[in-house]
Amino acid sequence: VGTIICVIAGATIGNRIGKELDEGDRGCFGHALEIAEPGQRITWANTASGLSYEMTPGAGSTRNGAQCREYTLVTIAGSQRSSQKGLACQSQPGVWQNAPAATTASAPTTTQRR
């Protein structure tokens, strides 16, 4: 599995991860969700913050009509590594929002108009 080095900015994500990442990091995160194959590791370094990231997009799915991707994001600060998993959904082209975890009890149902 190859590694892509992210140098593109543009997409945004929301919630907790969006607050931890700066604009360039959010761009790399969103770009990786859009183009990387499931399991393909994307890496980038933020020279301003001194942090490095390893992001691995997972399987894609559709949730409430939006394209979504699972992901694992590893933040590296010196010798410390912090990992978190999540699901991000594309709310519009180039815009990704962190999605709350779905549970069986609260999973959305599909309805059709008649």
C-alpha atoms as a PDB file:
ATOM      1  CA  VAL A   1       0.000   0.000   0.000  1.00  0.00           C
ATOM      2  CA  GLY A   2       1.478   3.304  -1.067  1.00  0.00           C
ATOM      3  CA  THR A   3       1.729   6.563   0.820  1.00  0.00           C
ATOM      4  CA  ILE A   4       0.619   9.932  -0.552  1.00  0.00           C
ATOM      5  CA  ILE A   5       2.316  13.033   0.823  1.00  0.00           C
ATOM      6  CA  CYS A   6      -0.368  15.693   1.220  1.00  0.00           C
ATOM      7  CA  VAL A   7       0.421  19.218   0.055  1.00  0.00           C
ATOM      8  CA  ILE A   8      -3.070  20.384  -0.961  1.00  0.00           C
ATOM      9  CA  ALA A   9      -5.435  22.512   1.141  1.00  0.00           C
ATOM     10  CA  GLY A  10      -9.118  23.184   0.607  1.00  0.00           C
ATOM     11  CA  ALA A  11     -11.681  20.906   2.234  1.00  0.00           C
ATOM     12  CA  THR A  12     -12.946  21.416   5.755  1.00  0.00           C
ATOM     13  CA  ILE A  13     -14.219  19.120   8.468  1.00  0.00           C
ATOM     14  CA  GLY A  14     -16.096  19.903  11.646  1.00  0.00           C
ATOM     15  CA  ASN A  15     -16.484  19.109  15.320  1.00  0.00           C
ATOM     16  CA  ARG A  16     -13.616  17.979  17.532  1.00  0.00           C
ATOM     17  CA  ILE A  17     -11.042  17.129  14.876  1.00  0.00           C
ATOM     18  CA  GLY A  18     -11.731  20.340  12.976  1.00  0.00           C
ATOM     19  CA  LYS A  19     -10.828  22.353  16.066  1.00  0.00           C
ATOM     20  CA  GLU A  20      -7.495  20.537  16.474  1.00  0.00           C
ATOM     21  CA  LEU A  21      -6.388  20.935  12.855  1.00  0.00           C
ATOM     22  CA  ASP A  22      -5.496  24.194  11.171  1.00  0.00           C
ATOM     23  CA  GLU A  23      -6.681  25.135   7.680  1.00  0.00           C
ATOM     24  CA  GLY A  24      -3.851  23.311   5.895  1.00  0.00           C
ATOM     25  CA  ASP A  25      -4.363  20.183   7.999  1.00  0.00           C
ATOM     26  CA  ARG A  26      -8.118  20.226   7.308  1.00  0.00           C
ATOM     27  CA  GLY A  27      -7.354  20.510   3.608  1.00  0.00           C
ATOM     28  CA  CYS A  28      -5.101  17.461   3.725  1.00  0.00           C
ATOM     29  CA  PHE A  29      -7.698  15.560   5.756  1.00  0.00           C
ATOM     30  CA  GLY A  30     -10.510  16.320   3.301  1.00  0.00           C
ATOM     31  CA  HIS A  31      -8.362  15.702   0.236  1.00  0.00           C
ATOM     32  CA  ALA A  32      -7.362  12.301   1.596  1.00  0.00           C
ATOM     33  CA  LEU A  33     -11.012  11.381   2.165  1.00  0.00           C
ATOM     34  CA  GLU A  34     -11.823  12.319  -1.418  1.00  0.00           C
ATOM     35  CA  ILE A  35      -9.006  10.571  -3.307  1.00  0.00           C
ATOM     36  CA  ALA A  36      -7.356   7.878  -1.185  1.00  0.00           C
ATOM     37  CA  GLU A  37      -8.227   4.213  -1.499  1.00  0.00           C
ATOM     38  CA  PRO A  38      -9.481   2.433   1.638  1.00  0.00           C
ATOM     39  CA  GLY A  39      -6.443   1.511   3.741  1.00  0.00           C
ATOM     40  CA  GLN A  40      -4.086   3.878   1.883  1.00  0.00           C
ATOM     41  CA  ARG A  41      -2.050   5.885   4.416  1.00  0.00           C
ATOM     42  CA  ILE A  42      -1.742   9.633   3.873  1.00  0.00           C
ATOM     43  CA  THR A  43       0.950  11.527   5.776  1.00  0.00           C
ATOM     44  CA  TRP A  44       1.699  15.202   6.260  1.00  0.00           C
ATOM     45  CA  ALA A  45       3.639  17.462   8.593  1.00  0.00           C
ATOM     46  CA  ASN A  46       2.582  20.872   9.877  1.00  0.00           C
ATOM     47  CA  THR A  47       5.766  22.893  10.293  1.00  0.00           C
ATOM     48  CA  ALA A  48       3.903  25.716  12.086  1.00  0.00           C
ATOM     49  CA  SER A  49       2.522  23.468  14.842  1.00  0.00           C
ATOM     50  CA  GLY A  50       5.331  20.896  14.841  1.00  0.00           C
ATOM     51  CA  LEU A  51       2.779  18.084  14.530  1.00  0.00           C
ATOM     52  CA  SER A  52       2.740  15.278  11.979  1.00  0.00           C
ATOM     53  CA  TYR A  53      -0.263  13.241  10.924  1.00  0.00           C
ATOM     54  CA  GLU A  54      -0.989   9.817   9.501  1.00  0.00           C
ATOM     55  CA  MET A  55      -4.511   9.434   8.169  1.00  0.00           C
ATOM     56  CA  THR A  56      -5.950   6.210   6.801  1.00  0.00           C
ATOM     57  CA  PRO A  57      -9.351   6.447   5.132  1.00  0.00           C
ATOM     58  CA  GLY A  58     -11.515   3.382   5.470  1.00  0.00           C
ATOM     59  CA  ALA A  59     -14.605   2.118   3.744  1.00  0.00           C
ATOM     60  CA  GLY A  60     -17.033   4.486   2.120  1.00  0.00           C
ATOM     61  CA  SER A  61     -20.769   4.488   2.768  1.00  0.00           C
ATOM     62  CA  THR A  62     -23.850   6.633   2.334  1.00  0.00           C
ATOM     63  CA  ARG A  63     -25.545   8.159   5.361  1.00  0.00           C
ATOM     64  CA  ASN A  64     -28.670  10.296   5.045  1.00  0.00           C
ATOM     65  CA  GLY A  65     -27.817  10.714   1.357  1.00  0.00           C
ATOM     66  CA  ALA A  66     -24.268  11.957   1.982  1.00  0.00           C
ATOM     67  CA  GLN A  67     -21.026  10.276   0.969  1.00  0.00           C
ATOM     68  CA  CYS A  68     -19.156   9.205   4.132  1.00  0.00           C
ATOM     69  CA  ARG A  69     -15.777   7.644   4.943  1.00  0.00           C
ATOM     70  CA  GLU A  70     -14.472   5.968   8.064  1.00  0.00           C
ATOM     71  CA  TYR A  71     -10.959   7.069   9.029  1.00  0.00           C
ATOM     72  CA  THR A  72      -8.159   6.627  11.516  1.00  0.00           C
ATOM     73  CA  LEU A  73      -6.105   9.728  12.313  1.00  0.00           C
ATOM     74  CA  VAL A  74      -2.809   9.494  14.186  1.00  0.00           C
ATOM     75  CA  THR A  75      -1.340  12.737  15.541  1.00  0.00           C
ATOM     76  CA  ILE A  76       2.404  12.659  16.241  1.00  0.00           C
ATOM     77  CA  ALA A  77       4.046  15.157  18.599  1.00  0.00           C
ATOM     78  CA  GLY A  78       7.691  14.245  19.103  1.00  0.00           C
ATOM     79  CA  SER A  79       7.708  10.699  20.464  1.00  0.00           C
ATOM     80  CA  GLN A  80       4.025  10.749  21.465  1.00  0.00           C
ATOM     81  CA  ARG A  81       1.320   9.315  19.212  1.00  0.00           C
ATOM     82  CA  SER A  82      -2.406   9.798  19.661  1.00  0.00           C
ATOM     83  CA  SER A  83      -4.894   7.847  17.551  1.00  0.00           C
ATOM     84  CA  GLN A  84      -8.600   8.387  16.978  1.00  0.00           C
ATOM     85  CA  LYS A  85     -11.153   6.796  14.684  1.00  0.00           C
ATOM     86  CA  GLY A  86     -14.241   8.389  13.268  1.00  0.00           C
ATOM     87  CA  LEU A  87     -16.643   8.879  10.391  1.00  0.00           C
ATOM     88  CA  ALA A  88     -16.731  11.991   8.224  1.00  0.00           C
ATOM     89  CA  CYS A  89     -19.489  12.818   5.739  1.00  0.00           C
ATOM     90  CA  GLN A  90     -19.336  15.191   2.788  1.00  0.00           C
ATOM     91  CA  SER A  91     -21.976  17.893   3.233  1.00  0.00           C
ATOM     92  CA  GLN A  92     -21.122  19.573  -0.088  1.00  0.00           C
ATOM     93  CA  PRO A  93     -18.229  19.318  -2.571  1.00  0.00           C
ATOM     94  CA  GLY A  94     -14.989  19.796  -0.650  1.00  0.00           C
ATOM     95  CA  VAL A  95     -16.724  20.107   2.736  1.00  0.00           C
ATOM     96  CA  TRP A  96     -16.522  17.228   5.246  1.00  0.00           C
ATOM     97  CA  GLN A  97     -18.192  17.101   8.650  1.00  0.00           C
ATOM     98  CA  ASN A  98     -17.339  14.714  11.466  1.00  0.00           C
ATOM     99  CA  ALA A  99     -20.392  12.481  11.916  1.00  0.00           C
ATOM    100  CA  PRO A 100     -21.655  11.144  15.246  1.00  0.00           C
ATOM    101  CA  ALA A 101     -21.428   7.375  15.607  1.00  0.00           C
ATOM    102  CA  ALA A 102     -24.560   5.552  14.524  1.00  0.00           C
ATOM    103  CA  THR A 103     -26.129   3.000  16.801  1.00  0.00           C
ATOM    104  CA  THR A 104     -28.772   0.438  16.083  1.00  0.00           C
ATOM    105  CA  ALA A 105     -31.323   2.263  18.232  1.00  0.00           C
ATOM    106  CA  SER A 106     -30.823   5.609  16.514  1.00  0.00           C
ATOM    107  CA  ALA A 107     -30.003   4.497  12.983  1.00  0.00           C
ATOM    108  CA  PRO A 108     -31.952   6.581  10.454  1.00  0.00           C
ATOM    109  CA  THR A 109     -34.691   4.921   8.460  1.00  0.00           C
ATOM    110  CA  THR A 110     -35.397   5.535   4.798  1.00  0.00           C
ATOM    111  CA  THR A 111     -38.813   6.821   3.868  1.00  0.00           C
ATOM    112  CA  GLN A 112     -40.308   7.317   0.431  1.00  0.00           C
ATOM    113  CA  ARG A 113     -42.775   9.964  -0.657  1.00  0.00           C
ATOM    114  CA  ARG A 114     -45.966   8.781  -2.311  1.00  0.00           C
END
